[in-house]
Amino acid sequence: MRVFLVIAAALAVAGFLYFSFSRGPMGGGVFAGQPAPDFTAQTLDGNTLKLADLRGKVVVLDFWATWSPPCRAMIPHERELVKKNAGKPFVFISISADKTAGVLRDFVRDKDMNWPNVFDGPDGPLQQLYQIEYYPSMYVLDGDGVVRYRDVRDSDLEKAVDTLLAGLTK
């Protein structure tokens, strides 16, 4: 019986480790070093946005929701990041998991979020493409469309963007 318990415990630990690490250190999705999956989406202002058309620029993809306190807390920093990098080869894109486009549109207007915003809806196609499991989920892409940083925030996000922008000018 004791041998059975030891084997059962070992199998349980092995299973836990397998499922914990088989999807990578941050859960599922796209990892640093991988090409970002391409997509085409419509922004709230009616423009068509195609990720592949942004090659040559540093791109931040921000998967978020208006109902998420951590996402809301990041907005002032995001606004400053967009303002600081105006005129540079940089694009910040927010992709929303909100229930309705109307809620998002009102929120974006009220919070002065003057960058491309995409309504994806709950469990939308872009979230599925990137296998988003939590909000916010951030991806920072280099000029070749490769994910170089994932889930960086605040000053770490700013440093990541600055590093990649410096690499574009070399």
N, C-alpha and C. Protein backbone atom coordinates (compact mmCIF):
# COMPACT_ATOMS: atom_id res chain seq x y z
N MET A 1 0.83 -1.20 0.00
CA MET A 1 0.00 0.00 0.00
C MET A 1 0.87 1.26 0.00
N ARG A 2 1.96 1.22 0.76
CA ARG A 2 2.85 2.37 0.84
C ARG A 2 3.50 2.65 -0.52
N VAL A 3 3.90 1.61 -1.21
CA VAL A 3 4.50 1.75 -2.54
C VAL A 3 3.48 2.37 -3.50
N PHE A 4 2.24 1.94 -3.40
CA PHE A 4 1.17 2.48 -4.24
C PHE A 4 1.01 3.98 -4.00
N LEU A 5 1.01 4.42 -2.76
CA LEU A 5 0.87 5.83 -2.43
C LEU A 5 2.04 6.65 -2.96
N VAL A 6 3.24 6.11 -2.85
CA VAL A 6 4.42 6.82 -3.35
C VAL A 6 4.33 6.97 -4.87
N ILE A 7 3.93 5.90 -5.55
CA ILE A 7 3.80 5.95 -7.01
C ILE A 7 2.70 6.93 -7.40
N ALA A 8 1.58 6.89 -6.71
CA ALA A 8 0.46 7.79 -7.00
C ALA A 8 0.89 9.25 -6.78
N ALA A 9 1.62 9.51 -5.71
CA ALA A 9 2.09 10.87 -5.43
C ALA A 9 3.07 11.32 -6.51
N ALA A 10 3.97 10.44 -6.92
CA ALA A 10 4.94 10.78 -7.96
C ALA A 10 4.23 11.09 -9.28
N LEU A 11 3.22 10.31 -9.62
CA LEU A 11 2.46 10.55 -10.85
C LEU A 11 1.70 11.87 -10.77
N ALA A 12 1.16 12.18 -9.61
CA ALA A 12 0.44 13.44 -9.43
C ALA A 12 1.38 14.62 -9.61
N VAL A 13 2.56 14.55 -9.02
CA VAL A 13 3.54 15.62 -9.15
C VAL A 13 3.98 15.74 -10.61
N ALA A 14 4.25 14.62 -11.26
CA ALA A 14 4.67 14.64 -12.66
C ALA A 14 3.58 15.26 -13.54
N GLY A 15 2.33 14.90 -13.30
CA GLY A 15 1.23 15.47 -14.06
C GLY A 15 1.10 16.96 -13.85
N PHE A 16 1.22 17.38 -12.60
CA PHE A 16 1.15 18.81 -12.28
C PHE A 16 2.26 19.57 -13.01
N LEU A 17 3.48 19.05 -12.93
CA LEU A 17 4.60 19.71 -13.59
C LEU A 17 4.42 19.76 -15.10
N TYR A 18 3.94 18.67 -15.67
CA TYR A 18 3.74 18.63 -17.11
C TYR A 18 2.72 19.70 -17.55
N PHE A 19 1.58 19.74 -16.89
CA PHE A 19 0.54 20.68 -17.29
C PHE A 19 0.90 22.12 -16.92
N SER A 20 1.71 22.29 -15.88
CA SER A 20 2.11 23.64 -15.49
C SER A 20 3.09 24.24 -16.48
N PHE A 21 4.00 23.43 -16.99
CA PHE A 21 5.07 23.96 -17.82
C PHE A 21 4.94 23.64 -19.30
N SER A 22 4.02 22.80 -19.67
CA SER A 22 3.89 22.44 -21.09
C SER A 22 3.34 23.60 -21.91
N ARG A 23 2.70 24.56 -21.27
CA ARG A 23 2.15 25.71 -21.99
C ARG A 23 3.04 26.92 -21.84
N GLY A 24 4.23 26.75 -21.31
CA GLY A 24 5.16 27.86 -21.17
C GLY A 24 5.03 28.52 -19.82
N PRO A 25 5.95 29.44 -19.52
CA PRO A 25 6.00 30.05 -18.20
C PRO A 25 4.85 30.99 -17.90
N MET A 26 4.18 31.51 -18.92
CA MET A 26 3.10 32.47 -18.68
C MET A 26 1.76 31.95 -19.19
N GLY A 27 1.58 30.65 -19.25
CA GLY A 27 0.33 30.11 -19.76
C GLY A 27 0.42 29.91 -21.26
N GLY A 28 -0.71 29.83 -21.90
CA GLY A 28 -0.74 29.57 -23.34
C GLY A 28 -0.42 30.81 -24.14
N GLY A 29 -0.49 30.66 -25.43
CA GLY A 29 -0.34 31.82 -26.27
C GLY A 29 0.97 31.90 -27.01
N VAL A 30 1.29 33.10 -27.42
CA VAL A 30 2.47 33.40 -28.20
C VAL A 30 3.57 33.84 -27.26
N PHE A 31 4.78 33.33 -27.49
CA PHE A 31 5.89 33.61 -26.59
C PHE A 31 6.92 34.52 -27.24
N ALA A 32 7.75 35.12 -26.42
CA ALA A 32 8.85 35.94 -26.92
C ALA A 32 9.72 35.11 -27.85
N GLY A 33 10.08 35.71 -28.98
CA GLY A 33 10.88 35.03 -29.98
C GLY A 33 10.06 34.45 -31.11
N GLN A 34 8.74 34.41 -30.94
CA GLN A 34 7.87 33.87 -31.99
C GLN A 34 7.28 35.01 -32.83
N PRO A 35 7.04 34.75 -34.11
CA PRO A 35 6.33 35.76 -34.91
C PRO A 35 4.91 35.96 -34.35
N ALA A 36 4.50 37.20 -34.30
CA ALA A 36 3.13 37.49 -33.86
C ALA A 36 2.16 37.04 -34.94
N PRO A 37 1.10 36.33 -34.57
CA PRO A 37 0.11 35.94 -35.57
C PRO A 37 -0.51 37.18 -36.23
N ASP A 38 -0.58 37.15 -37.54
CA ASP A 38 -1.13 38.28 -38.28
C ASP A 38 -2.66 38.30 -38.13
N PHE A 39 -3.21 39.48 -38.21
CA PHE A 39 -4.66 39.63 -38.17
C PHE A 39 -5.06 40.91 -38.88
N THR A 40 -6.30 40.96 -39.24
CA THR A 40 -6.93 42.17 -39.76
C THR A 40 -8.14 42.44 -38.89
N ALA A 41 -8.28 43.69 -38.48
CA ALA A 41 -9.40 44.06 -37.60
C ALA A 41 -9.84 45.48 -37.93
N GLN A 42 -11.05 45.79 -37.52
CA GLN A 42 -11.57 47.14 -37.69
C GLN A 42 -11.45 47.89 -36.37
N THR A 43 -10.91 49.09 -36.41
CA THR A 43 -10.81 49.91 -35.21
C THR A 43 -12.15 50.58 -34.93
N LEU A 44 -12.27 51.13 -33.74
CA LEU A 44 -13.53 51.80 -33.37
C LEU A 44 -13.85 52.96 -34.29
N ASP A 45 -12.82 53.60 -34.85
CA ASP A 45 -13.08 54.73 -35.75
C ASP A 45 -13.32 54.30 -37.19
N GLY A 46 -13.44 52.98 -37.41
CA GLY A 46 -13.81 52.47 -38.72
C GLY A 46 -12.67 52.14 -39.66
N ASN A 47 -11.43 52.34 -39.23
CA ASN A 47 -10.28 52.02 -40.08
C ASN A 47 -9.97 50.53 -40.03
N THR A 48 -9.43 50.02 -41.12
CA THR A 48 -8.97 48.63 -41.16
C THR A 48 -7.51 48.60 -40.73
N LEU A 49 -7.23 47.74 -39.79
CA LEU A 49 -5.88 47.61 -39.25
C LEU A 49 -5.39 46.20 -39.58
N LYS A 50 -4.27 46.11 -40.28
CA LYS A 50 -3.66 44.82 -40.61
C LYS A 50 -2.28 44.80 -39.97
N LEU A 51 -2.05 43.86 -39.09
CA LEU A 51 -0.79 43.81 -38.35
C LEU A 51 0.41 43.76 -39.30
N ALA A 52 0.32 42.99 -40.36
CA ALA A 52 1.45 42.87 -41.29
C ALA A 52 1.83 44.22 -41.92
N ASP A 53 0.87 45.13 -42.03
CA ASP A 53 1.16 46.45 -42.60
C ASP A 53 1.98 47.32 -41.66
N LEU A 54 2.17 46.88 -40.44
CA LEU A 54 2.91 47.67 -39.45
C LEU A 54 4.37 47.24 -39.33
N ARG A 55 4.83 46.36 -40.25
CA ARG A 55 6.24 45.96 -40.25
C ARG A 55 7.09 47.21 -40.37
N GLY A 56 8.22 47.21 -39.70
CA GLY A 56 9.09 48.38 -39.67
C GLY A 56 8.80 49.29 -38.50
N LYS A 57 7.78 48.94 -37.72
CA LYS A 57 7.42 49.72 -36.53
C LYS A 57 7.43 48.82 -35.30
N VAL A 58 7.67 49.44 -34.16
CA VAL A 58 7.48 48.75 -32.88
C VAL A 58 5.99 48.80 -32.58
N VAL A 59 5.42 47.66 -32.25
CA VAL A 59 3.98 47.56 -32.02
C VAL A 59 3.73 46.98 -30.63
N VAL A 60 2.84 47.61 -29.89
CA VAL A 60 2.38 47.06 -28.61
C VAL A 60 0.94 46.61 -28.81
N LEU A 61 0.67 45.34 -28.52
CA LEU A 61 -0.69 44.82 -28.51
C LEU A 61 -1.12 44.69 -27.06
N ASP A 62 -2.18 45.38 -26.71
CA ASP A 62 -2.69 45.41 -25.34
C ASP A 62 -4.07 44.77 -25.32
N PHE A 63 -4.14 43.51 -24.87
CA PHE A 63 -5.43 42.84 -24.71
C PHE A 63 -5.96 43.23 -23.33
N TRP A 64 -7.14 43.82 -23.29
CA TRP A 64 -7.63 44.40 -22.05
C TRP A 64 -9.15 44.43 -22.02
N ALA A 65 -9.69 44.97 -20.92
CA ALA A 65 -11.13 45.16 -20.78
C ALA A 65 -11.39 46.34 -19.85
N THR A 66 -12.46 47.07 -20.12
CA THR A 66 -12.78 48.25 -19.31
C THR A 66 -13.15 47.85 -17.88
N TRP A 67 -13.63 46.63 -17.67
CA TRP A 67 -14.07 46.18 -16.34
C TRP A 67 -12.91 45.67 -15.49
N SER A 68 -11.70 45.62 -16.04
CA SER A 68 -10.54 45.09 -15.32
C SER A 68 -9.79 46.22 -14.60
N PRO A 69 -9.77 46.22 -13.26
CA PRO A 69 -9.04 47.27 -12.54
C PRO A 69 -7.56 47.39 -12.94
N PRO A 70 -6.81 46.29 -13.10
CA PRO A 70 -5.42 46.46 -13.53
C PRO A 70 -5.30 47.11 -14.91
N CYS A 71 -6.22 46.79 -15.80
CA CYS A 71 -6.20 47.40 -17.14
C CYS A 71 -6.47 48.90 -17.04
N ARG A 72 -7.45 49.25 -16.26
CA ARG A 72 -7.81 50.66 -16.10
C ARG A 72 -6.67 51.45 -15.49
N ALA A 73 -5.97 50.83 -14.55
CA ALA A 73 -4.85 51.51 -13.88
C ALA A 73 -3.70 51.81 -14.84
N MET A 74 -3.59 51.05 -15.91
CA MET A 74 -2.49 51.23 -16.86
C MET A 74 -2.74 52.35 -17.87
N ILE A 75 -3.96 52.80 -18.00
CA ILE A 75 -4.31 53.76 -19.05
C ILE A 75 -3.48 55.05 -18.99
N PRO A 76 -3.28 55.67 -17.83
CA PRO A 76 -2.47 56.91 -17.84
C PRO A 76 -1.05 56.67 -18.36
N HIS A 77 -0.44 55.56 -18.00
CA HIS A 77 0.91 55.26 -18.49
C HIS A 77 0.89 55.00 -19.99
N GLU A 78 -0.12 54.29 -20.46
CA GLU A 78 -0.24 54.02 -21.89
C GLU A 78 -0.39 55.33 -22.66
N ARG A 79 -1.20 56.22 -22.13
CA ARG A 79 -1.42 57.52 -22.78
C ARG A 79 -0.10 58.28 -22.90
N GLU A 80 0.69 58.27 -21.82
CA GLU A 80 1.99 58.94 -21.84
C GLU A 80 2.96 58.27 -22.81
N LEU A 81 2.93 56.95 -22.89
CA LEU A 81 3.79 56.21 -23.81
C LEU A 81 3.46 56.57 -25.26
N VAL A 82 2.19 56.63 -25.58
CA VAL A 82 1.76 57.00 -26.93
C VAL A 82 2.20 58.44 -27.24
N LYS A 83 2.00 59.33 -26.28
CA LYS A 83 2.37 60.74 -26.47
C LYS A 83 3.88 60.88 -26.66
N LYS A 84 4.66 60.20 -25.83
CA LYS A 84 6.12 60.27 -25.89
C LYS A 84 6.65 59.79 -27.24
N ASN A 85 6.00 58.80 -27.83
CA ASN A 85 6.50 58.19 -29.06
C ASN A 85 5.78 58.66 -30.32
N ALA A 86 5.01 59.73 -30.20
CA ALA A 86 4.35 60.30 -31.38
C ALA A 86 5.42 60.71 -32.40
N GLY A 87 5.17 60.39 -33.67
CA GLY A 87 6.11 60.73 -34.72
C GLY A 87 7.22 59.71 -34.91
N LYS A 88 7.26 58.70 -34.07
CA LYS A 88 8.27 57.64 -34.18
C LYS A 88 7.61 56.42 -34.81
N PRO A 89 8.41 55.46 -35.28
CA PRO A 89 7.82 54.24 -35.85
C PRO A 89 7.28 53.33 -34.74
N PHE A 90 6.17 53.74 -34.18
CA PHE A 90 5.58 53.09 -33.01
C PHE A 90 4.06 53.12 -33.11
N VAL A 91 3.42 51.99 -32.80
CA VAL A 91 1.97 51.91 -32.78
C VAL A 91 1.53 51.14 -31.53
N PHE A 92 0.60 51.72 -30.80
CA PHE A 92 0.00 51.07 -29.63
C PHE A 92 -1.42 50.69 -30.03
N ILE A 93 -1.78 49.42 -29.85
CA ILE A 93 -3.11 48.94 -30.23
C ILE A 93 -3.76 48.28 -29.02
N SER A 94 -4.92 48.77 -28.64
CA SER A 94 -5.69 48.15 -27.57
C SER A 94 -6.77 47.27 -28.17
N ILE A 95 -6.88 46.05 -27.68
CA ILE A 95 -7.85 45.07 -28.18
C ILE A 95 -8.74 44.68 -27.00
N SER A 96 -10.00 45.04 -27.09
CA SER A 96 -10.91 44.95 -25.96
C SER A 96 -11.75 43.68 -25.93
N ALA A 97 -11.89 43.16 -24.71
CA ALA A 97 -12.73 41.98 -24.46
C ALA A 97 -14.09 42.37 -23.88
N ASP A 98 -14.46 43.63 -24.01
CA ASP A 98 -15.74 44.08 -23.45
C ASP A 98 -16.93 43.42 -24.15
N LYS A 99 -18.08 43.49 -23.49
CA LYS A 99 -19.28 42.82 -24.01
C LYS A 99 -19.88 43.54 -25.21
N THR A 100 -19.77 44.87 -25.23
CA THR A 100 -20.36 45.61 -26.35
C THR A 100 -19.38 46.69 -26.84
N ALA A 101 -19.46 46.98 -28.12
CA ALA A 101 -18.63 48.04 -28.69
C ALA A 101 -19.04 49.40 -28.14
N GLY A 102 -20.31 49.57 -27.82
CA GLY A 102 -20.78 50.84 -27.28
C GLY A 102 -20.13 51.18 -25.95
N VAL A 103 -20.04 50.20 -25.07
CA VAL A 103 -19.37 50.41 -23.77
C VAL A 103 -17.93 50.83 -24.00
N LEU A 104 -17.26 50.13 -24.89
CA LEU A 104 -15.86 50.44 -25.20
C LEU A 104 -15.74 51.83 -25.80
N ARG A 105 -16.58 52.14 -26.77
CA ARG A 105 -16.51 53.44 -27.45
C ARG A 105 -16.67 54.58 -26.45
N ASP A 106 -17.64 54.47 -25.56
CA ASP A 106 -17.86 55.52 -24.55
C ASP A 106 -16.66 55.64 -23.62
N PHE A 107 -16.14 54.51 -23.19
CA PHE A 107 -15.00 54.50 -22.27
C PHE A 107 -13.78 55.14 -22.92
N VAL A 108 -13.47 54.74 -24.14
CA VAL A 108 -12.31 55.25 -24.86
C VAL A 108 -12.42 56.76 -25.04
N ARG A 109 -13.60 57.24 -25.37
CA ARG A 109 -13.82 58.68 -25.53
C ARG A 109 -13.64 59.40 -24.18
N ASP A 110 -14.24 58.86 -23.12
CA ASP A 110 -14.17 59.50 -21.80
C ASP A 110 -12.75 59.52 -21.24
N LYS A 111 -11.96 58.51 -21.56
CA LYS A 111 -10.59 58.40 -21.02
C LYS A 111 -9.53 58.94 -21.97
N ASP A 112 -9.97 59.53 -23.08
CA ASP A 112 -9.04 60.15 -24.04
C ASP A 112 -7.96 59.16 -24.50
N MET A 113 -8.39 58.00 -24.95
CA MET A 113 -7.48 56.95 -25.43
C MET A 113 -7.33 57.10 -26.94
N ASN A 114 -6.46 58.02 -27.34
CA ASN A 114 -6.31 58.40 -28.75
C ASN A 114 -5.29 57.54 -29.48
N TRP A 115 -5.55 56.26 -29.53
CA TRP A 115 -4.74 55.32 -30.29
C TRP A 115 -5.69 54.25 -30.81
N PRO A 116 -5.25 53.40 -31.73
CA PRO A 116 -6.17 52.41 -32.29
C PRO A 116 -6.75 51.48 -31.22
N ASN A 117 -8.06 51.41 -31.21
CA ASN A 117 -8.79 50.53 -30.31
C ASN A 117 -9.65 49.59 -31.13
N VAL A 118 -9.56 48.31 -30.82
CA VAL A 118 -10.29 47.28 -31.53
C VAL A 118 -11.25 46.61 -30.56
N PHE A 119 -12.50 46.48 -30.95
CA PHE A 119 -13.47 45.72 -30.17
C PHE A 119 -13.40 44.27 -30.64
N ASP A 120 -13.02 43.38 -29.72
CA ASP A 120 -12.94 41.96 -30.04
C ASP A 120 -14.06 41.17 -29.38
N GLY A 121 -14.67 41.75 -28.33
CA GLY A 121 -15.74 41.06 -27.61
C GLY A 121 -15.20 39.99 -26.68
N PRO A 122 -16.08 39.45 -25.84
CA PRO A 122 -15.65 38.39 -24.92
C PRO A 122 -15.21 37.16 -25.72
N ASP A 123 -14.03 36.69 -25.44
CA ASP A 123 -13.48 35.50 -26.10
C ASP A 123 -13.52 35.63 -27.62
N GLY A 124 -13.18 36.83 -28.09
CA GLY A 124 -13.22 37.11 -29.53
C GLY A 124 -12.12 36.42 -30.32
N PRO A 125 -12.17 36.56 -31.63
CA PRO A 125 -11.22 35.85 -32.50
C PRO A 125 -9.76 36.24 -32.28
N LEU A 126 -9.48 37.50 -31.95
CA LEU A 126 -8.09 37.88 -31.71
C LEU A 126 -7.58 37.29 -30.39
N GLN A 127 -8.46 37.25 -29.40
CA GLN A 127 -8.07 36.63 -28.13
C GLN A 127 -7.83 35.14 -28.31
N GLN A 128 -8.63 34.51 -29.15
CA GLN A 128 -8.42 33.09 -29.43
C GLN A 128 -7.12 32.88 -30.20
N LEU A 129 -6.85 33.75 -31.17
CA LEU A 129 -5.63 33.65 -31.96
C LEU A 129 -4.38 33.73 -31.07
N TYR A 130 -4.42 34.62 -30.09
CA TYR A 130 -3.29 34.81 -29.18
C TYR A 130 -3.42 33.99 -27.89
N GLN A 131 -4.50 33.23 -27.78
CA GLN A 131 -4.77 32.38 -26.61
C GLN A 131 -4.69 33.18 -25.30
N ILE A 132 -5.42 34.28 -25.26
CA ILE A 132 -5.41 35.15 -24.09
C ILE A 132 -6.14 34.48 -22.94
N GLU A 133 -5.49 34.46 -21.79
CA GLU A 133 -6.05 33.82 -20.60
C GLU A 133 -6.32 34.80 -19.46
N TYR A 134 -5.78 36.02 -19.56
CA TYR A 134 -5.96 37.00 -18.48
C TYR A 134 -5.76 38.39 -19.05
N TYR A 135 -6.23 39.38 -18.28
CA TYR A 135 -6.13 40.78 -18.68
C TYR A 135 -5.42 41.56 -17.59
N PRO A 136 -4.58 42.47 -17.97
CA PRO A 136 -4.12 42.74 -19.32
C PRO A 136 -3.07 41.72 -19.77
N SER A 137 -3.01 41.50 -21.07
CA SER A 137 -1.95 40.71 -21.69
C SER A 137 -1.31 41.61 -22.73
N MET A 138 -0.01 41.81 -22.60
CA MET A 138 0.71 42.74 -23.46
C MET A 138 1.75 42.00 -24.29
N TYR A 139 1.84 42.39 -25.55
CA TYR A 139 2.86 41.86 -26.45
C TYR A 139 3.57 43.05 -27.09
N VAL A 140 4.89 43.03 -27.07
CA VAL A 140 5.67 44.09 -27.71
C VAL A 140 6.42 43.45 -28.87
N LEU A 141 6.15 43.95 -30.07
CA LEU A 141 6.70 43.38 -31.30
C LEU A 141 7.79 44.28 -31.86
N ASP A 142 8.81 43.65 -32.41
CA ASP A 142 9.86 44.42 -33.08
C ASP A 142 9.42 44.78 -34.50
N GLY A 143 10.28 45.43 -35.24
CA GLY A 143 9.95 45.87 -36.58
C GLY A 143 9.71 44.75 -37.57
N ASP A 144 10.13 43.54 -37.22
CA ASP A 144 9.90 42.37 -38.07
C ASP A 144 8.63 41.61 -37.70
N GLY A 145 7.89 42.11 -36.72
CA GLY A 145 6.66 41.45 -36.30
C GLY A 145 6.88 40.27 -35.38
N VAL A 146 8.04 40.24 -34.71
CA VAL A 146 8.36 39.17 -33.78
C VAL A 146 8.10 39.66 -32.36
N VAL A 147 7.47 38.82 -31.54
CA VAL A 147 7.23 39.18 -30.14
C VAL A 147 8.59 39.18 -29.44
N ARG A 148 8.95 40.32 -28.87
CA ARG A 148 10.21 40.43 -28.13
C ARG A 148 10.00 40.51 -26.62
N TYR A 149 8.85 41.01 -26.22
CA TYR A 149 8.51 41.11 -24.80
C TYR A 149 7.05 40.73 -24.63
N ARG A 150 6.77 40.12 -23.49
CA ARG A 150 5.40 39.74 -23.17
C ARG A 150 5.08 40.13 -21.73
N ASP A 151 3.95 40.75 -21.56
CA ASP A 151 3.44 41.10 -20.24
C ASP A 151 4.36 42.01 -19.45
N VAL A 152 4.97 42.97 -20.13
CA VAL A 152 5.72 44.02 -19.44
C VAL A 152 4.78 45.19 -19.19
N ARG A 153 5.01 45.89 -18.11
CA ARG A 153 4.14 46.99 -17.73
C ARG A 153 4.95 48.18 -17.24
N ASP A 154 4.30 49.32 -17.22
CA ASP A 154 4.84 50.54 -16.65
C ASP A 154 6.25 50.84 -17.18
N SER A 155 7.23 51.03 -16.28
CA SER A 155 8.57 51.40 -16.75
C SER A 155 9.21 50.28 -17.56
N ASP A 156 8.88 49.02 -17.29
CA ASP A 156 9.43 47.92 -18.09
C ASP A 156 8.90 47.96 -19.52
N LEU A 157 7.64 48.35 -19.69
CA LEU A 157 7.07 48.51 -21.02
C LEU A 157 7.78 49.64 -21.76
N GLU A 158 7.97 50.73 -21.07
CA GLU A 158 8.65 51.87 -21.68
C GLU A 158 10.08 51.50 -22.09
N LYS A 159 10.79 50.79 -21.24
CA LYS A 159 12.17 50.36 -21.57
C LYS A 159 12.17 49.41 -22.77
N ALA A 160 11.20 48.51 -22.82
CA ALA A 160 11.12 47.57 -23.95
C ALA A 160 10.90 48.33 -25.24
N VAL A 161 9.97 49.27 -25.24
CA VAL A 161 9.69 50.06 -26.44
C VAL A 161 10.93 50.88 -26.84
N ASP A 162 11.56 51.53 -25.86
CA ASP A 162 12.75 52.33 -26.15
C ASP A 162 13.86 51.46 -26.75
N THR A 163 14.07 50.28 -26.20
CA THR A 163 15.10 49.36 -26.70
C THR A 163 14.83 48.98 -28.15
N LEU A 164 13.58 48.63 -28.44
CA LEU A 164 13.25 48.21 -29.80
C LEU A 164 13.29 49.39 -30.78
N LEU A 165 12.87 50.56 -30.35
CA LEU A 165 12.95 51.73 -31.22
C LEU A 165 14.42 52.06 -31.53
N ALA A 166 15.29 51.95 -30.54
CA ALA A 166 16.72 52.21 -30.76
C ALA A 166 17.28 51.22 -31.78
N GLY A 167 16.80 49.97 -31.74
CA GLY A 167 17.25 48.96 -32.69
C GLY A 167 16.81 49.23 -34.11
N LEU A 168 15.71 49.95 -34.27
CA LEU A 168 15.22 50.27 -35.62
C LEU A 168 16.09 51.33 -36.30
N THR A 169 16.73 52.16 -35.50
CA THR A 169 17.49 53.27 -36.07
C THR A 169 18.95 52.91 -36.32
N LYS A 170 19.36 51.69 -35.98
CA LYS A 170 20.77 51.30 -36.19
C LYS A 170 21.01 50.91 -37.63
